[in-house]
All heavy atoms as atom14 arrays in JSON, in Angstrom:
{
  "sequence": "GYYGLGNTVDADRDLATDAAPYYYQVRRRRVLGYADVTRHLSGPLSA",
  "atom14_mask": [
    [1, 1, 1, 1, 0, 0, 0, 0, 0, 0, 0, 0, 0, 0],
    [1, 1, 1, 1, 1, 1, 1, 1, 1, 1, 1, 1, 0, 0],
    [1, 1, 1, 1, 1, 1, 1, 1, 1, 1, 1, 1, 0, 0],
    [1, 1, 1, 1, 0, 0, 0, 0, 0, 0, 0, 0, 0, 0],
    [1, 1, 1, 1, 1, 1, 1, 1, 0, 0, 0, 0, 0, 0],
    [1, 1, 1, 1, 0, 0, 0, 0, 0, 0, 0, 0, 0, 0],
    [1, 1, 1, 1, 1, 1, 1, 1, 0, 0, 0, 0, 0, 0],
    [1, 1, 1, 1, 1, 1, 1, 0, 0, 0, 0, 0, 0, 0],
    [1, 1, 1, 1, 1, 1, 1, 0, 0, 0, 0, 0, 0, 0],
    [1, 1, 1, 1, 1, 1, 1, 1, 0, 0, 0, 0, 0, 0],
    [1, 1, 1, 1, 1, 0, 0, 0, 0, 0, 0, 0, 0, 0],
    [1, 1, 1, 1, 1, 1, 1, 1, 0, 0, 0, 0, 0, 0],
    [1, 1, 1, 1, 1, 1, 1, 1, 1, 1, 1, 0, 0, 0],
    [1, 1, 1, 1, 1, 1, 1, 1, 0, 0, 0, 0, 0, 0],
    [1, 1, 1, 1, 1, 1, 1, 1, 0, 0, 0, 0, 0, 0],
    [1, 1, 1, 1, 1, 0, 0, 0, 0, 0, 0, 0, 0, 0],
    [1, 1, 1, 1, 1, 1, 1, 0, 0, 0, 0, 0, 0, 0],
    [1, 1, 1, 1, 1, 1, 1, 1, 0, 0, 0, 0, 0, 0],
    [1, 1, 1, 1, 1, 0, 0, 0, 0, 0, 0, 0, 0, 0],
    [1, 1, 1, 1, 1, 0, 0, 0, 0, 0, 0, 0, 0, 0],
    [1, 1, 1, 1, 1, 1, 1, 0, 0, 0, 0, 0, 0, 0],
    [1, 1, 1, 1, 1, 1, 1, 1, 1, 1, 1, 1, 0, 0],
    [1, 1, 1, 1, 1, 1, 1, 1, 1, 1, 1, 1, 0, 0],
    [1, 1, 1, 1, 1, 1, 1, 1, 1, 1, 1, 1, 0, 0],
    [1, 1, 1, 1, 1, 1, 1, 1, 1, 0, 0, 0, 0, 0],
    [1, 1, 1, 1, 1, 1, 1, 0, 0, 0, 0, 0, 0, 0],
    [1, 1, 1, 1, 1, 1, 1, 1, 1, 1, 1, 0, 0, 0],
    [1, 1, 1, 1, 1, 1, 1, 1, 1, 1, 1, 0, 0, 0],
    [1, 1, 1, 1, 1, 1, 1, 1, 1, 1, 1, 0, 0, 0],
    [1, 1, 1, 1, 1, 1, 1, 1, 1, 1, 1, 0, 0, 0],
    [1, 1, 1, 1, 1, 1, 1, 0, 0, 0, 0, 0, 0, 0],
    [1, 1, 1, 1, 1, 1, 1, 1, 0, 0, 0, 0, 0, 0],
    [1, 1, 1, 1, 0, 0, 0, 0, 0, 0, 0, 0, 0, 0],
    [1, 1, 1, 1, 1, 1, 1, 1, 1, 1, 1, 1, 0, 0],
    [1, 1, 1, 1, 1, 0, 0, 0, 0, 0, 0, 0, 0, 0],
    [1, 1, 1, 1, 1, 1, 1, 1, 0, 0, 0, 0, 0, 0],
    [1, 1, 1, 1, 1, 1, 1, 0, 0, 0, 0, 0, 0, 0],
    [1, 1, 1, 1, 1, 1, 1, 0, 0, 0, 0, 0, 0, 0],
    [1, 1, 1, 1, 1, 1, 1, 1, 1, 1, 1, 0, 0, 0],
    [1, 1, 1, 1, 1, 1, 1, 1, 1, 1, 0, 0, 0, 0],
    [1, 1, 1, 1, 1, 1, 1, 1, 0, 0, 0, 0, 0, 0],
    [1, 1, 1, 1, 1, 1, 0, 0, 0, 0, 0, 0, 0, 0],
    [1, 1, 1, 1, 0, 0, 0, 0, 0, 0, 0, 0, 0, 0],
    [1, 1, 1, 1, 1, 1, 1, 0, 0, 0, 0, 0, 0, 0],
    [1, 1, 1, 1, 1, 1, 1, 1, 0, 0, 0, 0, 0, 0],
    [1, 1, 1, 1, 1, 1, 0, 0, 0, 0, 0, 0, 0, 0],
    [1, 1, 1, 1, 1, 0, 0, 0, 0, 0, 0, 0, 0, 0]
  ],
  "atom14_positions": [
    [[-6.68, -4.32, -6.44], [-5.38, -3.8, -6.04], [-4.53, -4.81, -5.3], [-5.03, -5.58, -4.48], [0.0, 0.0, 0.0], [0.0, 0.0, 0.0], [0.0, 0.0, 0.0], [0.0, 0.0, 0.0], [0.0, 0.0, 0.0], [0.0, 0.0, 0.0], [0.0, 0.0, 0.0], [0.0, 0.0, 0.0], [0.0, 0.0, 0.0], [0.0, 0.0, 0.0]],
    [[-3.25, -4.83, -5.61], [-2.3, -5.63, -4.84], [-0.97, -4.86, -4.79], [-0.3, -4.71, -5.81], [-2.08, -7.02, -5.44], [-1.1, -7.82, -4.6], [-1.51, -8.43, -3.41], [0.25, -7.93, -4.97], [-0.62, -9.12, -2.62], [1.14, -8.62, -4.19], [0.71, -9.21, -3.01], [1.59, -9.89, -2.22], [0.0, 0.0, 0.0], [0.0, 0.0, 0.0]],
    [[-0.62, -4.4, -3.59], [0.58, -3.6, -3.38], [1.61, -4.33, -2.54], [2.58, -3.74, -2.08], [0.22, -2.29, -2.69], [-0.63, -1.36, -3.54], [-1.98, -1.65, -3.77], [-0.1, -0.21, -4.1], [-2.76, -0.81, -4.55], [-0.88, 0.64, -4.87], [-2.21, 0.33, -5.09], [-2.98, 1.16, -5.86], [0.0, 0.0, 0.0], [0.0, 0.0, 0.0]],
    [[1.41, -5.64, -2.35], [2.28, -6.42, -1.49], [1.61, -6.68, -0.15], [0.57, -6.1, 0.18], [0.0, 0.0, 0.0], [0.0, 0.0, 0.0], [0.0, 0.0, 0.0], [0.0, 0.0, 0.0], [0.0, 0.0, 0.0], [0.0, 0.0, 0.0], [0.0, 0.0, 0.0], [0.0, 0.0, 0.0], [0.0, 0.0, 0.0], [0.0, 0.0, 0.0]],
    [[2.21, -7.58, 0.64], [1.69, -7.9, 1.95], [2.3, -6.97, 2.98], [3.5, -6.73, 2.98], [2.01, -9.36, 2.31], [1.4, -10.42, 1.38], [1.84, -11.8, 1.83], [-0.12, -10.32, 1.36], [0.0, 0.0, 0.0], [0.0, 0.0, 0.0], [0.0, 0.0, 0.0], [0.0, 0.0, 0.0], [0.0, 0.0, 0.0], [0.0, 0.0, 0.0]],
    [[1.45, -6.44, 3.86], [1.94, -5.55, 4.9], [1.43, -4.14, 4.7], [0.75, -3.81, 3.72], [0.0, 0.0, 0.0], [0.0, 0.0, 0.0], [0.0, 0.0, 0.0], [0.0, 0.0, 0.0], [0.0, 0.0, 0.0], [0.0, 0.0, 0.0], [0.0, 0.0, 0.0], [0.0, 0.0, 0.0], [0.0, 0.0, 0.0], [0.0, 0.0, 0.0]],
    [[1.79, -3.28, 5.64], [1.33, -1.9, 5.63], [2.19, -1.06, 4.69], [3.02, -0.26, 5.12], [1.37, -1.33, 7.05], [0.47, -0.14, 7.22], [-0.68, -0.15, 6.81], [0.98, 0.92, 7.82], [0.0, 0.0, 0.0], [0.0, 0.0, 0.0], [0.0, 0.0, 0.0], [0.0, 0.0, 0.0], [0.0, 0.0, 0.0], [0.0, 0.0, 0.0]],
    [[1.99, -1.25, 3.39], [2.86, -0.7, 2.35], [2.58, 0.79, 2.12], [2.19, 1.21, 1.02], [2.66, -1.48, 1.04], [1.25, -1.5, 0.73], [3.16, -2.9, 1.19], [0.0, 0.0, 0.0], [0.0, 0.0, 0.0], [0.0, 0.0, 0.0], [0.0, 0.0, 0.0], [0.0, 0.0, 0.0], [0.0, 0.0, 0.0], [0.0, 0.0, 0.0]],
    [[2.8, 1.6, 3.14], [2.55, 3.02, 3.0], [3.56, 3.7, 2.08], [3.34, 4.81, 1.6], [2.58, 3.72, 4.38], [1.42, 3.24, 5.24], [3.91, 3.47, 5.1], [0.0, 0.0, 0.0], [0.0, 0.0, 0.0], [0.0, 0.0, 0.0], [0.0, 0.0, 0.0], [0.0, 0.0, 0.0], [0.0, 0.0, 0.0], [0.0, 0.0, 0.0]],
    [[4.69, 3.02, 1.81], [5.73, 3.61, 0.97], [5.74, 3.01, -0.43], [6.78, 2.97, -1.09], [7.1, 3.42, 1.62], [7.4, 1.96, 1.91], [6.48, 1.12, 1.8], [8.56, 1.65, 2.27], [0.0, 0.0, 0.0], [0.0, 0.0, 0.0], [0.0, 0.0, 0.0], [0.0, 0.0, 0.0], [0.0, 0.0, 0.0], [0.0, 0.0, 0.0]],
    [[4.59, 2.53, -0.92], [4.53, 1.96, -2.26], [5.0, 2.98, -3.3], [4.59, 4.14, -3.27], [3.11, 1.52, -2.57], [0.0, 0.0, 0.0], [0.0, 0.0, 0.0], [0.0, 0.0, 0.0], [0.0, 0.0, 0.0], [0.0, 0.0, 0.0], [0.0, 0.0, 0.0], [0.0, 0.0, 0.0], [0.0, 0.0, 0.0], [0.0, 0.0, 0.0]],
    [[5.86, 2.55, -4.2], [6.43, 3.42, -5.22], [5.53, 3.44, -6.45], [5.56, 2.54, -7.27], [7.84, 2.93, -5.59], [8.55, 3.88, -6.54], [7.94, 4.89, -6.96], [9.72, 3.6, -6.87], [0.0, 0.0, 0.0], [0.0, 0.0, 0.0], [0.0, 0.0, 0.0], [0.0, 0.0, 0.0], [0.0, 0.0, 0.0], [0.0, 0.0, 0.0]],
    [[4.71, 4.48, -6.59], [3.77, 4.56, -7.71], [4.49, 4.71, -9.05], [3.9, 4.46, -10.1], [2.81, 5.73, -7.52], [2.05, 5.72, -6.18], [1.26, 4.44, -5.98], [0.58, 4.4, -4.71], [-0.66, 4.85, -4.5], [-1.33, 5.38, -5.48], [-1.21, 4.75, -3.3], [0.0, 0.0, 0.0], [0.0, 0.0, 0.0], [0.0, 0.0, 0.0]],
    [[5.77, 5.1, -9.05], [6.5, 5.27, -10.3], [6.77, 3.93, -10.98], [7.15, 3.88, -12.16], [7.83, 5.98, -10.04], [7.64, 7.43, -9.63], [6.58, 8.0, -9.97], [8.54, 8.0, -8.98], [0.0, 0.0, 0.0], [0.0, 0.0, 0.0], [0.0, 0.0, 0.0], [0.0, 0.0, 0.0], [0.0, 0.0, 0.0], [0.0, 0.0, 0.0]],
    [[6.58, 2.81, -10.24], [6.78, 1.5, -10.85], [5.66, 1.14, -11.83], [5.84, 0.25, -12.66], [6.87, 0.43, -9.75], [8.09, 0.54, -8.82], [8.02, -0.5, -7.72], [9.38, 0.38, -9.63], [0.0, 0.0, 0.0], [0.0, 0.0, 0.0], [0.0, 0.0, 0.0], [0.0, 0.0, 0.0], [0.0, 0.0, 0.0], [0.0, 0.0, 0.0]],
    [[4.51, 1.81, -11.72], [3.43, 1.62, -12.7], [3.71, 2.52, -13.89], [3.37, 3.71, -13.9], [2.09, 1.95, -12.06], [0.0, 0.0, 0.0], [0.0, 0.0, 0.0], [0.0, 0.0, 0.0], [0.0, 0.0, 0.0], [0.0, 0.0, 0.0], [0.0, 0.0, 0.0], [0.0, 0.0, 0.0], [0.0, 0.0, 0.0], [0.0, 0.0, 0.0]],
    [[4.36, 1.97, -14.91], [4.79, 2.72, -16.09], [3.98, 2.28, -17.31], [3.13, 1.4, -17.24], [6.28, 2.47, -16.35], [6.47, 1.08, -16.65], [7.11, 2.84, -15.11], [0.0, 0.0, 0.0], [0.0, 0.0, 0.0], [0.0, 0.0, 0.0], [0.0, 0.0, 0.0], [0.0, 0.0, 0.0], [0.0, 0.0, 0.0], [0.0, 0.0, 0.0]],
    [[4.27, 2.88, -18.46], [3.61, 2.48, -19.7], [3.91, 1.02, -20.03], [3.07, 0.32, -20.61], [4.06, 3.38, -20.85], [3.54, 4.81, -20.7], [2.57, 4.99, -19.95], [4.12, 5.71, -21.33], [0.0, 0.0, 0.0], [0.0, 0.0, 0.0], [0.0, 0.0, 0.0], [0.0, 0.0, 0.0], [0.0, 0.0, 0.0], [0.0, 0.0, 0.0]],
    [[5.11, 0.57, -19.67], [5.47, -0.82, -19.93], [4.86, -1.77, -18.91], [4.71, -2.97, -19.18], [7.0, -0.98, -19.91], [0.0, 0.0, 0.0], [0.0, 0.0, 0.0], [0.0, 0.0, 0.0], [0.0, 0.0, 0.0], [0.0, 0.0, 0.0], [0.0, 0.0, 0.0], [0.0, 0.0, 0.0], [0.0, 0.0, 0.0], [0.0, 0.0, 0.0]],
    [[4.51, -1.27, -17.73], [3.89, -2.08, -16.68], [2.72, -1.3, -16.08], [2.76, -0.91, -14.9], [4.92, -2.45, -15.62], [0.0, 0.0, 0.0], [0.0, 0.0, 0.0], [0.0, 0.0, 0.0], [0.0, 0.0, 0.0], [0.0, 0.0, 0.0], [0.0, 0.0, 0.0], [0.0, 0.0, 0.0], [0.0, 0.0, 0.0], [0.0, 0.0, 0.0]],
    [[1.65, -1.07, -16.85], [0.55, -0.23, -16.37], [-0.25, -0.86, -15.24], [-0.98, -0.16, -14.54], [-0.32, -0.04, -17.62], [-0.03, -1.25, -18.46], [1.41, -1.57, -18.21], [0.0, 0.0, 0.0], [0.0, 0.0, 0.0], [0.0, 0.0, 0.0], [0.0, 0.0, 0.0], [0.0, 0.0, 0.0], [0.0, 0.0, 0.0], [0.0, 0.0, 0.0]],
    [[-0.13, -2.19, -15.07], [-0.91, -2.88, -14.04], [0.0, -3.38, -12.91], [-0.28, -4.42, -12.31], [-1.66, -4.05, -14.66], [-2.44, -3.68, -15.9], [-2.05, -4.18, -17.15], [-3.53, -2.83, -15.84], [-2.76, -3.84, -18.29], [-4.24, -2.48, -16.98], [-3.84, -2.99, -18.2], [-4.53, -2.64, -19.33], [0.0, 0.0, 0.0], [0.0, 0.0, 0.0]],
    [[1.05, -2.65, -12.63], [2.03, -3.12, -11.66], [1.39, -3.39, -10.29], [1.74, -4.34, -9.6], [3.17, -2.12, -11.51], [4.29, -2.63, -10.64], [5.24, -3.5, -11.15], [4.36, -2.27, -9.3], [6.27, -4.0, -10.35], [5.38, -2.76, -8.49], [6.33, -3.62, -9.02], [7.32, -4.12, -8.21], [0.0, 0.0, 0.0], [0.0, 0.0, 0.0]],
    [[0.43, -2.57, -9.89], [-0.21, -2.74, -8.59], [-1.64, -3.26, -8.72], [-2.5, -2.96, -7.9], [-0.21, -1.41, -7.84], [1.15, -1.02, -7.29], [1.76, 0.16, -7.68], [1.83, -1.85, -6.4], [3.01, 0.52, -7.19], [3.08, -1.5, -5.9], [3.66, -0.32, -6.3], [4.9, 0.03, -5.81], [0.0, 0.0, 0.0], [0.0, 0.0, 0.0]],
    [[-1.89, -4.08, -9.75], [-3.21, -4.68, -9.93], [-3.09, -6.17, -10.16], [-2.05, -6.67, -10.6], [-3.94, -4.03, -11.11], [-4.29, -2.57, -10.87], [-5.05, -1.97, -12.03], [-5.34, -2.64, -13.01], [-5.36, -0.68, -11.93], [0.0, 0.0, 0.0], [0.0, 0.0, 0.0], [0.0, 0.0, 0.0], [0.0, 0.0, 0.0], [0.0, 0.0, 0.0]],
    [[-4.17, -6.89, -9.85], [-4.23, -8.33, -10.05], [-5.66, -8.68, -10.46], [-6.62, -8.01, -10.08], [-3.83, -9.08, -8.76], [-4.81, -8.79, -7.63], [-3.73, -10.59, -8.99], [0.0, 0.0, 0.0], [0.0, 0.0, 0.0], [0.0, 0.0, 0.0], [0.0, 0.0, 0.0], [0.0, 0.0, 0.0], [0.0, 0.0, 0.0], [0.0, 0.0, 0.0]],
    [[-5.8, -9.7, -11.29], [-7.12, -10.2, -11.65], [-7.58, -11.17, -10.56], [-6.89, -12.14, -10.24], [-7.08, -10.9, -13.0], [-8.44, -11.37, -13.49], [-8.33, -12.11, -14.81], [-7.92, -11.23, -15.89], [-6.72, -11.27, -16.47], [-5.8, -12.13, -16.05], [-6.43, -10.45, -17.46], [0.0, 0.0, 0.0], [0.0, 0.0, 0.0], [0.0, 0.0, 0.0]],
    [[-8.74, -10.9, -9.99], [-9.26, -11.72, -8.89], [-10.57, -12.36, -9.31], [-11.54, -11.69, -9.62], [-9.49, -10.83, -7.65], [-10.03, -11.55, -6.42], [-10.54, -10.52, -5.44], [-10.83, -11.05, -4.13], [-11.53, -10.42, -3.2], [-12.0, -9.21, -3.45], [-11.76, -10.95, -2.01], [0.0, 0.0, 0.0], [0.0, 0.0, 0.0], [0.0, 0.0, 0.0]],
    [[-10.6, -13.7, -9.31], [-11.82, -14.45, -9.61], [-12.15, -15.31, -8.4], [-11.27, -15.96, -7.84], [-11.63, -15.33, -10.84], [-11.5, -14.55, -12.14], [-11.13, -15.46, -13.28], [-9.76, -15.94, -13.14], [-8.93, -16.12, -14.17], [-9.32, -15.86, -15.38], [-7.71, -16.56, -13.97], [0.0, 0.0, 0.0], [0.0, 0.0, 0.0], [0.0, 0.0, 0.0]],
    [[-13.42, -15.33, -8.03], [-13.78, -16.15, -6.87], [-15.24, -16.59, -6.95], [-16.1, -15.92, -7.52], [-13.53, -15.41, -5.57], [-14.35, -14.16, -5.37], [-14.12, -13.58, -3.98], [-14.89, -12.37, -3.78], [-15.15, -11.84, -2.58], [-14.68, -12.43, -1.51], [-15.86, -10.74, -2.47], [0.0, 0.0, 0.0], [0.0, 0.0, 0.0], [0.0, 0.0, 0.0]],
    [[-15.47, -17.75, -6.36], [-16.81, -18.28, -6.14], [-16.96, -18.39, -4.63], [-16.13, -19.0, -3.96], [-17.0, -19.64, -6.81], [-18.39, -20.2, -6.51], [-16.78, -19.53, -8.32], [0.0, 0.0, 0.0], [0.0, 0.0, 0.0], [0.0, 0.0, 0.0], [0.0, 0.0, 0.0], [0.0, 0.0, 0.0], [0.0, 0.0, 0.0], [0.0, 0.0, 0.0]],
    [[-18.01, -17.78, -4.11], [-18.19, -17.66, -2.67], [-19.61, -18.01, -2.29], [-20.56, -17.64, -2.98], [-17.87, -16.23, -2.22], [-18.32, -15.78, -0.82], [-17.51, -16.52, 0.25], [-18.17, -14.28, -0.66], [0.0, 0.0, 0.0], [0.0, 0.0, 0.0], [0.0, 0.0, 0.0], [0.0, 0.0, 0.0], [0.0, 0.0, 0.0], [0.0, 0.0, 0.0]],
    [[-19.75, -18.73, -1.19], [-21.07, -18.99, -0.63], [-21.0, -18.93, 0.88], [-20.01, -19.35, 1.48], [0.0, 0.0, 0.0], [0.0, 0.0, 0.0], [0.0, 0.0, 0.0], [0.0, 0.0, 0.0], [0.0, 0.0, 0.0], [0.0, 0.0, 0.0], [0.0, 0.0, 0.0], [0.0, 0.0, 0.0], [0.0, 0.0, 0.0], [0.0, 0.0, 0.0]],
    [[-22.02, -18.35, 1.49], [-22.06, -18.35, 2.95], [-23.49, -18.31, 3.45], [-24.42, -17.92, 2.73], [-21.25, -17.18, 3.54], [-21.8, -15.8, 3.27], [-22.81, -15.24, 4.06], [-21.28, -15.01, 2.24], [-23.29, -13.97, 3.82], [-21.76, -13.74, 2.0], [-22.76, -13.23, 2.79], [-23.25, -11.96, 2.55], [0.0, 0.0, 0.0], [0.0, 0.0, 0.0]],
    [[-23.65, -18.74, 4.68], [-24.94, -18.68, 5.36], [-24.69, -18.26, 6.8], [-23.73, -18.71, 7.42], [-25.66, -20.02, 5.32], [0.0, 0.0, 0.0], [0.0, 0.0, 0.0], [0.0, 0.0, 0.0], [0.0, 0.0, 0.0], [0.0, 0.0, 0.0], [0.0, 0.0, 0.0], [0.0, 0.0, 0.0], [0.0, 0.0, 0.0], [0.0, 0.0, 0.0]],
    [[-25.55, -17.38, 7.31], [-25.4, -16.84, 8.65], [-26.73, -17.0, 9.38], [-27.74, -16.4, 8.99], [-24.99, -15.36, 8.58], [-24.58, -14.79, 9.92], [-25.29, -15.03, 10.91], [-23.56, -14.09, 9.98], [0.0, 0.0, 0.0], [0.0, 0.0, 0.0], [0.0, 0.0, 0.0], [0.0, 0.0, 0.0], [0.0, 0.0, 0.0], [0.0, 0.0, 0.0]],
    [[-26.74, -17.83, 10.43], [-27.94, -18.06, 11.23], [-27.76, -17.34, 12.57], [-26.73, -17.51, 13.23], [-28.18, -19.55, 11.47], [-29.42, -19.76, 12.34], [-28.34, -20.29, 10.14], [0.0, 0.0, 0.0], [0.0, 0.0, 0.0], [0.0, 0.0, 0.0], [0.0, 0.0, 0.0], [0.0, 0.0, 0.0], [0.0, 0.0, 0.0], [0.0, 0.0, 0.0]],
    [[-28.75, -16.54, 12.95], [-28.68, -15.76, 14.18], [-29.81, -16.15, 15.11], [-30.97, -16.27, 14.69], [-28.77, -14.26, 13.88], [-27.74, -13.9, 12.95], [-28.61, -13.43, 15.14], [0.0, 0.0, 0.0], [0.0, 0.0, 0.0], [0.0, 0.0, 0.0], [0.0, 0.0, 0.0], [0.0, 0.0, 0.0], [0.0, 0.0, 0.0], [0.0, 0.0, 0.0]],
    [[-29.47, -16.34, 16.39], [-30.44, -16.68, 17.42], [-30.45, -15.59, 18.49], [-29.42, -15.24, 19.04], [-30.09, -18.02, 18.06], [-30.9, -18.39, 19.3], [-32.37, -18.49, 19.0], [-33.14, -18.88, 20.21], [-34.47, -18.86, 20.29], [-35.18, -18.46, 19.24], [-35.09, -19.21, 21.4], [0.0, 0.0, 0.0], [0.0, 0.0, 0.0], [0.0, 0.0, 0.0]],
    [[-31.64, -15.06, 18.75], [-31.78, -14.05, 19.8], [-31.57, -14.71, 21.16], [-32.12, -15.78, 21.46], [-33.17, -13.43, 19.74], [-33.44, -12.47, 20.85], [-34.32, -12.74, 21.88], [-32.92, -11.24, 21.11], [-34.34, -11.72, 22.71], [-33.5, -10.8, 22.27], [0.0, 0.0, 0.0], [0.0, 0.0, 0.0], [0.0, 0.0, 0.0], [0.0, 0.0, 0.0]],
    [[-30.76, -14.07, 22.03], [-30.47, -14.6, 23.34], [-31.27, -13.89, 24.42], [-32.1, -14.49, 25.11], [-28.97, -14.5, 23.64], [-28.04, -15.27, 22.72], [-26.59, -15.03, 23.1], [-28.36, -16.76, 22.74], [0.0, 0.0, 0.0], [0.0, 0.0, 0.0], [0.0, 0.0, 0.0], [0.0, 0.0, 0.0], [0.0, 0.0, 0.0], [0.0, 0.0, 0.0]],
    [[-31.04, -12.59, 24.58], [-31.73, -11.83, 25.6], [-31.59, -10.34, 25.3], [-30.5, -9.88, 24.96], [-31.15, -12.13, 26.98], [-31.77, -11.35, 27.99], [0.0, 0.0, 0.0], [0.0, 0.0, 0.0], [0.0, 0.0, 0.0], [0.0, 0.0, 0.0], [0.0, 0.0, 0.0], [0.0, 0.0, 0.0], [0.0, 0.0, 0.0], [0.0, 0.0, 0.0]],
    [[-32.69, -9.59, 25.42], [-32.62, -8.16, 25.17], [-32.08, -7.87, 23.79], [-32.54, -8.42, 22.79], [0.0, 0.0, 0.0], [0.0, 0.0, 0.0], [0.0, 0.0, 0.0], [0.0, 0.0, 0.0], [0.0, 0.0, 0.0], [0.0, 0.0, 0.0], [0.0, 0.0, 0.0], [0.0, 0.0, 0.0], [0.0, 0.0, 0.0], [0.0, 0.0, 0.0]],
    [[-31.04, -7.03, 23.69], [-30.46, -6.71, 22.39], [-29.34, -7.67, 21.96], [-28.69, -7.45, 20.95], [-29.88, -5.31, 22.61], [-29.47, -5.33, 24.05], [-30.5, -6.17, 24.77], [0.0, 0.0, 0.0], [0.0, 0.0, 0.0], [0.0, 0.0, 0.0], [0.0, 0.0, 0.0], [0.0, 0.0, 0.0], [0.0, 0.0, 0.0], [0.0, 0.0, 0.0]],
    [[-29.11, -8.74, 22.72], [-27.98, -9.64, 22.47], [-28.4, -10.88, 21.69], [-29.41, -11.52, 22.01], [-27.34, -10.07, 23.8], [-26.03, -10.87, 23.71], [-24.93, -10.03, 23.09], [-25.64, -11.36, 25.09], [0.0, 0.0, 0.0], [0.0, 0.0, 0.0], [0.0, 0.0, 0.0], [0.0, 0.0, 0.0], [0.0, 0.0, 0.0], [0.0, 0.0, 0.0]],
    [[-27.61, -11.21, 20.66], [-27.85, -12.39, 19.84], [-26.54, -13.13, 19.6], [-25.45, -12.57, 19.78], [-28.46, -12.02, 18.49], [-29.7, -11.38, 18.64], [0.0, 0.0, 0.0], [0.0, 0.0, 0.0], [0.0, 0.0, 0.0], [0.0, 0.0, 0.0], [0.0, 0.0, 0.0], [0.0, 0.0, 0.0], [0.0, 0.0, 0.0], [0.0, 0.0, 0.0]],
    [[-26.65, -14.39, 19.21], [-25.49, -15.19, 18.81], [-25.63, -15.54, 17.34], [-26.72, -15.84, 16.84], [-25.39, -16.46, 19.64], [0.0, 0.0, 0.0], [0.0, 0.0, 0.0], [0.0, 0.0, 0.0], [0.0, 0.0, 0.0], [0.0, 0.0, 0.0], [0.0, 0.0, 0.0], [0.0, 0.0, 0.0], [0.0, 0.0, 0.0], [0.0, 0.0, 0.0]]
  ]
}
């Protein structure tokens, strides 16, 4: 979904018509990698 940037609570759904059926959609492709290392500090607290 892509409805614009911001709190678009007033998005006009009528703009998605037969001629523009994907008006509020976008193709998203991504390659992602991450690593998360956690160290216990004290009691229930970790970094």
